[in-house]
Amino acid sequence: MLFLLTGEVQIGKTRWLEKLVANLAERGVLCAGVLTPGQWVASAGEHADGNGYEKLGIDNVLLPGGERVPFARRGDLARADGTFDEDSQAARAELAWHISDVAIEHVNAHFRKLRSLVRAEAVSESEAPRRSSQPGLLVVDELGRLEIWRGGGLTEAVALLAEGPSAAFPHALVVVRDYLADDAEALLAEAWPDRMRIAPDKEGQVAVLSAAFARCKSTYGDER
């Protein structure tokens, strides 16, 4: 099952997903991929939100290891401190966030490694019908304009998703803005015929947990 976690900006998608990943980890379900927590500071400036916080940038946390990669910086700040690269993918796409091409490659390398591990797991599965490890959840937070409209950005994440469900990751969860949801679904429709759009709420949590543990029950013959 492919879960598309969608909605408008700053409704708590990543915070909700962080809690879900922690919940699954506590129950022994491996989550692999990437989370994108923001870099927030207390602020009373023009960029502050209703709670008095300003978002300066975005990190990428690589799962399952937890390595934190500085990924994006607000465009005006990147221009002010001289880190803005006019030739970068983000600049050419005129994104509000400036994303380093070096950071993109770092995260792509992580997904490239995951693809290799998934393929190795597939070979192991064909040789031994009973799995020795619990199926996991592939997490991609998030696919944006670079990936969906321009064929760039996290290309290795898209390539891994395009391979569809696997023995290691029978389910995937992709974060996508609401205005990109139709295009994201079309992009992945062939690989993931079973799809569901969810929101960062209790119903979405129940849907993912139910799918994850239904798979565990069919695999092991008991509830985990």
Protein backbone atom coordinates (compact mmCIF):
# COMPACT_ATOMS: atom_id res chain seq x y z
CA MET A 1 0.00 0.00 0.00
CA LEU A 2 1.19 3.50 -0.87
CA PHE A 3 0.06 6.17 1.58
CA LEU A 4 0.10 9.75 0.31
CA LEU A 5 0.24 12.08 3.30
CA THR A 6 -1.01 15.37 1.97
CA GLY A 7 -2.34 18.76 2.97
CA GLU A 8 -1.46 22.45 2.98
CA VAL A 9 1.82 23.88 4.29
CA GLN A 10 2.57 23.98 8.02
CA ILE A 11 -0.30 21.77 9.18
CA GLY A 12 2.06 19.46 11.07
CA LYS A 13 2.68 16.69 8.51
CA THR A 14 6.31 16.11 9.49
CA ARG A 15 5.65 16.31 13.24
CA TRP A 16 2.83 13.79 12.83
CA LEU A 17 5.09 11.56 10.76
CA GLU A 18 7.90 11.73 13.32
CA LYS A 19 5.50 10.44 15.98
CA LEU A 20 4.27 7.68 13.67
CA VAL A 21 7.82 6.54 12.91
CA ALA A 22 8.62 6.48 16.64
CA ASN A 23 5.44 4.50 17.30
CA LEU A 24 6.34 1.93 14.66
CA ALA A 25 9.92 1.69 15.91
CA GLU A 26 8.68 0.94 19.42
CA ARG A 27 6.69 -1.95 17.95
CA GLY A 28 9.65 -3.31 16.02
CA VAL A 29 8.76 -2.02 12.54
CA LEU A 30 11.73 -0.59 10.65
CA CYS A 31 11.17 2.77 8.93
CA ALA A 32 13.73 3.72 6.28
CA GLY A 33 13.99 6.81 4.12
CA VAL A 34 13.94 10.46 5.13
CA LEU A 35 12.16 12.91 7.43
CA THR A 36 12.32 16.70 6.93
CA PRO A 37 12.02 18.59 10.23
CA GLY A 38 12.24 22.35 10.06
CA GLN A 39 14.81 24.60 11.71
CA TRP A 40 12.74 26.94 13.89
CA VAL A 41 13.68 29.86 16.16
CA ALA A 42 11.61 32.11 18.39
CA SER A 43 10.88 35.32 16.49
CA ALA A 44 8.72 38.41 16.39
CA GLY A 45 9.82 39.30 12.85
CA GLU A 46 7.87 39.40 9.61
CA HIS A 47 8.49 35.71 8.94
CA ALA A 48 7.17 34.54 12.32
CA ASP A 49 4.14 32.27 12.40
CA GLY A 50 1.12 32.64 14.66
CA ASN A 51 2.96 30.93 17.51
CA GLY A 52 5.94 33.28 17.42
CA TYR A 53 8.38 31.03 15.57
CA GLU A 54 10.27 31.59 12.35
CA LYS A 55 11.39 28.80 10.00
CA LEU A 56 14.97 29.29 8.85
CA GLY A 57 15.62 26.04 7.05
CA ILE A 58 14.91 22.34 6.67
CA ASP A 59 16.99 19.35 7.71
CA ASN A 60 16.87 15.84 6.31
CA VAL A 61 17.01 13.04 8.87
CA LEU A 62 18.08 9.80 7.20
CA LEU A 63 16.26 6.73 8.50
CA PRO A 64 16.88 4.40 10.16
CA GLY A 65 20.29 5.67 11.29
CA GLY A 66 19.20 9.20 12.21
CA GLU A 67 21.95 11.15 10.42
CA ARG A 68 20.87 14.81 10.17
CA VAL A 69 21.74 16.64 6.95
CA PRO A 70 21.25 20.43 6.60
CA PHE A 71 19.16 20.42 3.43
CA ALA A 72 17.39 23.69 2.63
CA ARG A 73 17.62 27.34 3.68
CA ARG A 74 15.08 30.06 3.15
CA GLY A 75 15.91 31.80 -0.11
CA ASP A 76 16.28 35.30 1.32
CA LEU A 77 18.64 34.04 4.02
CA ALA A 78 20.76 32.09 1.53
CA ARG A 79 21.12 35.21 -0.62
CA ALA A 80 22.03 37.31 2.43
CA ASP A 81 24.77 34.97 3.63
CA GLY A 82 26.18 34.26 0.16
CA THR A 83 25.29 30.55 0.00
CA PHE A 84 22.70 30.96 -2.77
CA ASP A 85 23.76 29.12 -5.95
CA GLU A 86 22.09 30.52 -9.07
CA ASP A 87 22.92 27.32 -10.98
CA SER A 88 21.36 24.94 -8.46
CA GLN A 89 18.26 22.90 -9.21
CA ALA A 90 16.30 24.85 -6.61
CA ALA A 91 17.29 28.22 -8.08
CA ARG A 92 16.43 27.17 -11.64
CA ALA A 93 13.03 25.95 -10.41
CA GLU A 94 12.52 29.27 -8.56
CA LEU A 95 11.74 27.56 -5.27
CA ALA A 96 11.20 29.60 -2.12
CA TRP A 97 13.72 27.35 -0.36
CA HIS A 98 17.31 27.14 -1.51
CA ILE A 99 18.40 23.49 -1.60
CA SER A 100 22.05 22.63 -1.99
CA ASP A 101 22.79 20.25 -4.86
CA VAL A 102 25.43 18.70 -2.59
CA ALA A 103 22.76 17.97 0.03
CA ILE A 104 20.48 16.50 -2.64
CA GLU A 105 23.23 14.13 -3.74
CA HIS A 106 23.91 13.13 -0.13
CA VAL A 107 20.28 12.12 0.35
CA ASN A 108 20.20 10.44 -3.06
CA ALA A 109 23.20 8.36 -1.99
CA HIS A 110 21.19 7.21 1.03
CA PHE A 111 18.29 6.10 -1.16
CA ARG A 112 20.70 4.49 -3.61
CA LYS A 113 22.00 2.35 -0.76
CA LEU A 114 18.44 1.48 0.26
CA ARG A 115 17.71 0.36 -3.30
CA SER A 116 20.69 -1.98 -3.18
CA LEU A 117 19.55 -3.39 0.16
CA VAL A 118 16.00 -3.93 -1.15
CA ARG A 119 17.33 -5.81 -4.17
CA ALA A 120 19.55 -7.96 -1.95
CA GLU A 121 16.55 -8.68 0.26
CA ALA A 122 14.55 -9.73 -2.80
CA VAL A 123 17.22 -12.29 -3.70
CA SER A 124 17.25 -13.56 -0.12
CA GLU A 125 13.46 -13.82 -0.14
CA SER A 126 13.50 -15.94 -3.31
CA GLU A 127 15.95 -18.34 -1.70
CA ALA A 128 14.19 -18.58 1.68
CA PRO A 129 10.39 -18.38 1.76
CA ARG A 130 10.20 -17.41 5.44
CA ARG A 131 11.49 -13.95 6.33
CA SER A 132 13.82 -13.54 9.29
CA SER A 133 12.98 -9.86 9.79
CA GLN A 134 9.78 -7.87 10.09
CA PRO A 135 8.56 -5.94 7.02
CA GLY A 136 9.19 -2.20 7.20
CA LEU A 137 7.79 1.11 5.97
CA LEU A 138 9.52 3.21 3.31
CA VAL A 139 9.22 6.92 4.18
CA VAL A 140 9.80 9.81 1.76
CA ASP A 141 9.24 13.24 3.27
CA GLU A 142 8.72 14.79 0.80
CA LEU A 143 8.30 14.76 -2.98
CA GLY A 144 8.01 18.28 -4.32
CA ARG A 145 8.12 20.24 -7.55
CA LEU A 146 11.69 19.18 -8.32
CA GLU A 147 10.78 15.48 -8.24
CA ILE A 148 7.25 15.51 -9.62
CA TRP A 149 7.35 18.26 -12.23
CA ARG A 150 11.02 18.47 -13.21
CA GLY A 151 12.38 14.93 -12.81
CA GLY A 152 15.12 16.15 -10.50
CA GLY A 153 15.74 16.41 -6.77
CA LEU A 154 15.52 13.11 -4.94
CA THR A 155 15.67 10.98 -8.07
CA GLU A 156 16.85 7.90 -6.17
CA ALA A 157 13.84 8.09 -3.84
CA VAL A 158 11.53 8.24 -6.85
CA ALA A 159 13.40 5.32 -8.46
CA LEU A 160 13.01 3.22 -5.33
CA LEU A 161 9.31 4.03 -5.13
CA ALA A 162 8.95 3.18 -8.82
CA GLU A 163 10.03 -0.38 -8.04
CA GLY A 164 6.82 -0.82 -6.06
CA PRO A 165 6.21 -2.94 -2.95
CA SER A 166 9.04 -5.22 -1.88
CA ALA A 167 9.63 -7.92 0.70
CA ALA A 168 11.53 -5.40 2.81
CA PHE A 169 9.02 -2.56 2.34
CA PRO A 170 5.53 -3.75 1.39
CA HIS A 171 4.22 -0.28 2.28
CA ALA A 172 5.44 3.24 1.58
CA LEU A 173 4.44 6.65 2.88
CA VAL A 174 5.12 9.74 0.77
CA VAL A 175 4.53 13.32 1.89
CA VAL A 176 3.31 15.64 -0.84
CA ARG A 177 1.64 19.05 -0.92
CA ASP A 178 -2.06 18.99 -1.76
CA TYR A 179 -1.61 20.76 -5.11
CA LEU A 180 0.88 18.08 -6.19
CA ALA A 181 -1.09 15.07 -4.96
CA ASP A 182 -2.79 14.23 -8.27
CA ASP A 183 0.50 14.35 -10.17
CA ALA A 184 2.33 12.35 -7.49
CA GLU A 185 -0.35 9.69 -7.60
CA ALA A 186 -0.16 9.51 -11.39
CA LEU A 187 3.62 9.23 -11.25
CA LEU A 188 3.47 6.21 -8.93
CA ALA A 189 0.18 4.63 -10.03
CA GLU A 190 1.67 1.78 -12.03
CA ALA A 191 4.06 0.70 -9.28
CA TRP A 192 1.49 1.09 -6.50
CA PRO A 193 -2.00 0.04 -7.63
CA ASP A 194 -3.12 0.09 -3.99
CA ARG A 195 -3.03 3.69 -2.80
CA MET A 196 -4.63 5.81 -0.12
CA ARG A 197 -4.50 9.51 0.62
CA ILE A 198 -4.29 10.32 4.30
CA ALA A 199 -4.14 13.40 6.50
CA PRO A 200 -1.95 13.93 9.58
CA ASP A 201 -4.69 12.83 11.97
CA LYS A 202 -5.89 9.84 13.98
CA GLU A 203 -7.58 8.22 10.98
CA GLY A 204 -4.35 8.41 8.99
CA GLN A 205 -2.40 6.88 11.85
CA VAL A 206 -4.86 4.00 12.18
CA ALA A 207 -4.72 3.32 8.43
CA VAL A 208 -0.92 3.02 8.39
CA LEU A 209 -0.69 0.96 11.58
CA SER A 210 -3.45 -1.37 10.42
CA ALA A 211 -1.69 -2.02 7.12
CA ALA A 212 1.69 -2.54 8.76
CA PHE A 213 0.44 -5.01 11.33
CA ALA A 214 -1.92 -6.82 8.98
CA ARG A 215 1.16 -7.61 6.93
CA CYS A 216 2.98 -8.78 10.05
CA LYS A 217 0.08 -11.07 10.94
CA SER A 218 0.00 -12.65 7.48
CA THR A 219 3.77 -13.08 7.53
CA TYR A 220 4.22 -14.47 11.02
CA GLY A 221 0.80 -15.89 11.78
CA ASP A 222 0.35 -13.74 14.88
CA GLU A 223 -0.08 -10.12 16.00
CA ARG A 224 3.06 -8.11 16.65
